[in-house]
Amino acid sequence: MIGVLKNWVWCEHCFEWKDADEVSFVEMKEDVYGKDLLTFSCDSCDKDTIDSIVISSVTKPIGR
């Protein structure tokens, strides 16, 4: 096995990818194409990010 998939979300205030298990969940929904969108409160900056796409990857995504 190569690794365990994690879900990553983009914090638009910290400008970095966060492990979805390490943010405070507010709401989950889908866009018109079926992609998951997560609204969450960042545990680092204490600000809300609305409708961040969710990326599943073994490693932290690079860039935005």
N, C-alpha and C. Protein backbone atom coordinates (compact mmCIF):
# COMPACT_ATOMS: atom_id res chain seq x y z
N MET A 1 0.84 -1.19 0.00
CA MET A 1 0.00 0.00 0.00
C MET A 1 0.89 1.25 0.00
N ILE A 2 0.57 2.22 -0.83
CA ILE A 2 1.36 3.43 -0.97
C ILE A 2 1.10 4.41 0.16
N GLY A 3 -0.13 4.60 0.54
CA GLY A 3 -0.47 5.55 1.60
C GLY A 3 -1.97 5.63 1.77
N VAL A 4 -2.37 6.37 2.76
CA VAL A 4 -3.79 6.54 3.06
C VAL A 4 -4.26 7.87 2.48
N LEU A 5 -5.38 7.83 1.75
CA LEU A 5 -5.93 9.07 1.20
C LEU A 5 -6.47 9.96 2.30
N LYS A 6 -6.15 11.25 2.18
CA LYS A 6 -6.71 12.26 3.08
C LYS A 6 -7.50 13.24 2.23
N ASN A 7 -8.46 13.89 2.85
CA ASN A 7 -9.22 14.94 2.18
C ASN A 7 -8.60 16.28 2.55
N TRP A 8 -8.31 17.12 1.54
CA TRP A 8 -7.67 18.42 1.73
C TRP A 8 -8.61 19.52 1.26
N VAL A 9 -8.63 20.63 1.99
CA VAL A 9 -9.44 21.80 1.62
C VAL A 9 -8.55 23.04 1.64
N TRP A 10 -8.88 24.02 0.81
CA TRP A 10 -8.08 25.24 0.68
C TRP A 10 -8.63 26.32 1.61
N CYS A 11 -7.80 26.83 2.53
CA CYS A 11 -8.20 27.96 3.37
C CYS A 11 -7.86 29.23 2.61
N GLU A 12 -8.88 30.01 2.29
CA GLU A 12 -8.67 31.23 1.51
C GLU A 12 -8.10 32.38 2.34
N HIS A 13 -7.92 32.15 3.62
CA HIS A 13 -7.35 33.18 4.51
C HIS A 13 -5.88 32.87 4.83
N CYS A 14 -5.56 31.61 5.05
CA CYS A 14 -4.17 31.19 5.32
C CYS A 14 -3.39 30.96 4.02
N PHE A 15 -4.12 30.81 2.91
CA PHE A 15 -3.54 30.51 1.60
C PHE A 15 -2.74 29.21 1.62
N GLU A 16 -3.37 28.16 2.21
CA GLU A 16 -2.73 26.85 2.20
C GLU A 16 -3.78 25.74 2.32
N TRP A 17 -3.37 24.54 1.90
CA TRP A 17 -4.23 23.37 2.01
C TRP A 17 -4.24 22.88 3.44
N LYS A 18 -5.42 22.52 3.93
CA LYS A 18 -5.60 22.00 5.30
C LYS A 18 -6.19 20.60 5.21
N ASP A 19 -5.76 19.73 6.11
CA ASP A 19 -6.35 18.41 6.25
C ASP A 19 -7.80 18.61 6.71
N ALA A 20 -8.75 18.06 5.99
CA ALA A 20 -10.17 18.26 6.31
C ALA A 20 -10.53 17.75 7.71
N ASP A 21 -9.74 16.82 8.24
CA ASP A 21 -9.99 16.32 9.60
C ASP A 21 -9.52 17.30 10.67
N GLU A 22 -8.77 18.32 10.26
CA GLU A 22 -8.20 19.27 11.22
C GLU A 22 -8.84 20.66 11.14
N VAL A 23 -10.02 20.75 10.53
CA VAL A 23 -10.78 22.01 10.49
C VAL A 23 -12.16 21.74 11.09
N SER A 24 -12.84 22.80 11.45
CA SER A 24 -14.17 22.64 12.05
C SER A 24 -15.25 22.68 10.97
N PHE A 25 -15.89 21.55 10.78
CA PHE A 25 -16.92 21.38 9.76
C PHE A 25 -18.11 22.30 10.01
N VAL A 26 -18.58 22.97 8.94
CA VAL A 26 -19.80 23.78 9.02
C VAL A 26 -20.87 23.17 8.11
N GLU A 27 -20.52 22.94 6.83
CA GLU A 27 -21.51 22.43 5.86
C GLU A 27 -20.81 21.75 4.70
N MET A 28 -21.43 20.69 4.16
CA MET A 28 -20.94 19.99 2.97
C MET A 28 -22.05 19.99 1.94
N LYS A 29 -21.70 20.29 0.69
CA LYS A 29 -22.68 20.20 -0.40
C LYS A 29 -21.95 19.88 -1.69
N GLU A 30 -22.69 19.73 -2.78
CA GLU A 30 -22.10 19.44 -4.09
C GLU A 30 -22.37 20.60 -5.03
N ASP A 31 -21.41 20.80 -5.97
CA ASP A 31 -21.66 21.79 -7.02
C ASP A 31 -22.47 21.12 -8.13
N VAL A 32 -22.74 21.83 -9.21
CA VAL A 32 -23.58 21.30 -10.29
C VAL A 32 -22.93 20.12 -11.01
N TYR A 33 -21.60 19.93 -10.83
CA TYR A 33 -20.88 18.83 -11.47
C TYR A 33 -20.65 17.64 -10.54
N GLY A 34 -21.16 17.73 -9.30
CA GLY A 34 -21.04 16.64 -8.35
C GLY A 34 -19.79 16.69 -7.48
N LYS A 35 -19.00 17.76 -7.59
CA LYS A 35 -17.82 17.90 -6.74
C LYS A 35 -18.24 18.32 -5.33
N ASP A 36 -17.57 17.75 -4.33
CA ASP A 36 -17.86 18.11 -2.94
C ASP A 36 -17.32 19.50 -2.62
N LEU A 37 -18.11 20.29 -1.94
CA LEU A 37 -17.73 21.63 -1.48
C LEU A 37 -17.90 21.67 0.03
N LEU A 38 -16.86 22.11 0.73
CA LEU A 38 -16.90 22.14 2.19
C LEU A 38 -16.81 23.58 2.69
N THR A 39 -17.72 23.94 3.56
CA THR A 39 -17.64 25.21 4.29
C THR A 39 -17.13 24.85 5.67
N PHE A 40 -16.06 25.52 6.11
CA PHE A 40 -15.42 25.17 7.38
C PHE A 40 -14.84 26.40 8.06
N SER A 41 -14.57 26.24 9.33
CA SER A 41 -13.87 27.26 10.11
C SER A 41 -12.45 26.74 10.33
N CYS A 42 -11.47 27.52 9.91
CA CYS A 42 -10.06 27.12 10.03
C CYS A 42 -9.62 27.20 11.49
N ASP A 43 -9.01 26.13 11.96
CA ASP A 43 -8.53 26.11 13.34
C ASP A 43 -7.29 26.98 13.54
N SER A 44 -6.59 27.33 12.45
CA SER A 44 -5.39 28.17 12.55
C SER A 44 -5.72 29.66 12.61
N CYS A 45 -6.59 30.12 11.69
CA CYS A 45 -6.87 31.56 11.61
C CYS A 45 -8.24 31.95 12.18
N ASP A 46 -9.06 30.96 12.53
CA ASP A 46 -10.40 31.18 13.10
C ASP A 46 -11.34 31.92 12.16
N LYS A 47 -11.14 31.80 10.85
CA LYS A 47 -12.03 32.42 9.87
C LYS A 47 -12.71 31.34 9.05
N ASP A 48 -13.89 31.66 8.52
CA ASP A 48 -14.65 30.70 7.72
C ASP A 48 -14.25 30.78 6.25
N THR A 49 -14.18 29.61 5.62
CA THR A 49 -14.01 29.50 4.18
C THR A 49 -15.27 28.83 3.66
N ILE A 50 -15.89 29.44 2.65
CA ILE A 50 -17.15 28.94 2.10
C ILE A 50 -16.90 28.24 0.78
N ASP A 51 -17.43 27.03 0.66
CA ASP A 51 -17.43 26.24 -0.58
C ASP A 51 -16.02 25.97 -1.13
N SER A 52 -15.13 25.50 -0.29
CA SER A 52 -13.81 25.05 -0.74
C SER A 52 -13.97 23.68 -1.39
N ILE A 53 -13.29 23.46 -2.53
CA ILE A 53 -13.34 22.13 -3.12
C ILE A 53 -12.56 21.17 -2.23
N VAL A 54 -12.92 19.90 -2.31
CA VAL A 54 -12.27 18.87 -1.52
C VAL A 54 -11.42 18.03 -2.46
N ILE A 55 -10.13 17.90 -2.15
CA ILE A 55 -9.19 17.10 -2.94
C ILE A 55 -8.79 15.89 -2.10
N SER A 56 -8.89 14.69 -2.66
CA SER A 56 -8.44 13.48 -1.97
C SER A 56 -7.06 13.11 -2.52
N SER A 57 -6.08 13.07 -1.62
CA SER A 57 -4.70 12.79 -2.02
C SER A 57 -3.94 12.23 -0.83
N VAL A 58 -2.92 11.41 -1.11
CA VAL A 58 -2.07 10.86 -0.07
C VAL A 58 -1.20 11.97 0.52
N THR A 59 -0.76 12.90 -0.32
CA THR A 59 0.10 14.00 0.12
C THR A 59 -0.63 15.33 -0.03
N LYS A 60 -0.13 16.32 0.69
CA LYS A 60 -0.69 17.67 0.63
C LYS A 60 -0.55 18.22 -0.79
N PRO A 61 -1.65 18.74 -1.39
CA PRO A 61 -1.55 19.31 -2.74
C PRO A 61 -0.59 20.51 -2.76
N ILE A 62 -0.03 20.76 -3.94
CA ILE A 62 0.90 21.87 -4.11
C ILE A 62 0.17 23.01 -4.81
N GLY A 63 0.36 24.23 -4.33
CA GLY A 63 -0.23 25.40 -4.98
C GLY A 63 -1.73 25.48 -4.77
N ARG A 64 -2.36 26.30 -5.56
CA ARG A 64 -3.80 26.50 -5.45
C ARG A 64 -4.46 26.04 -6.70
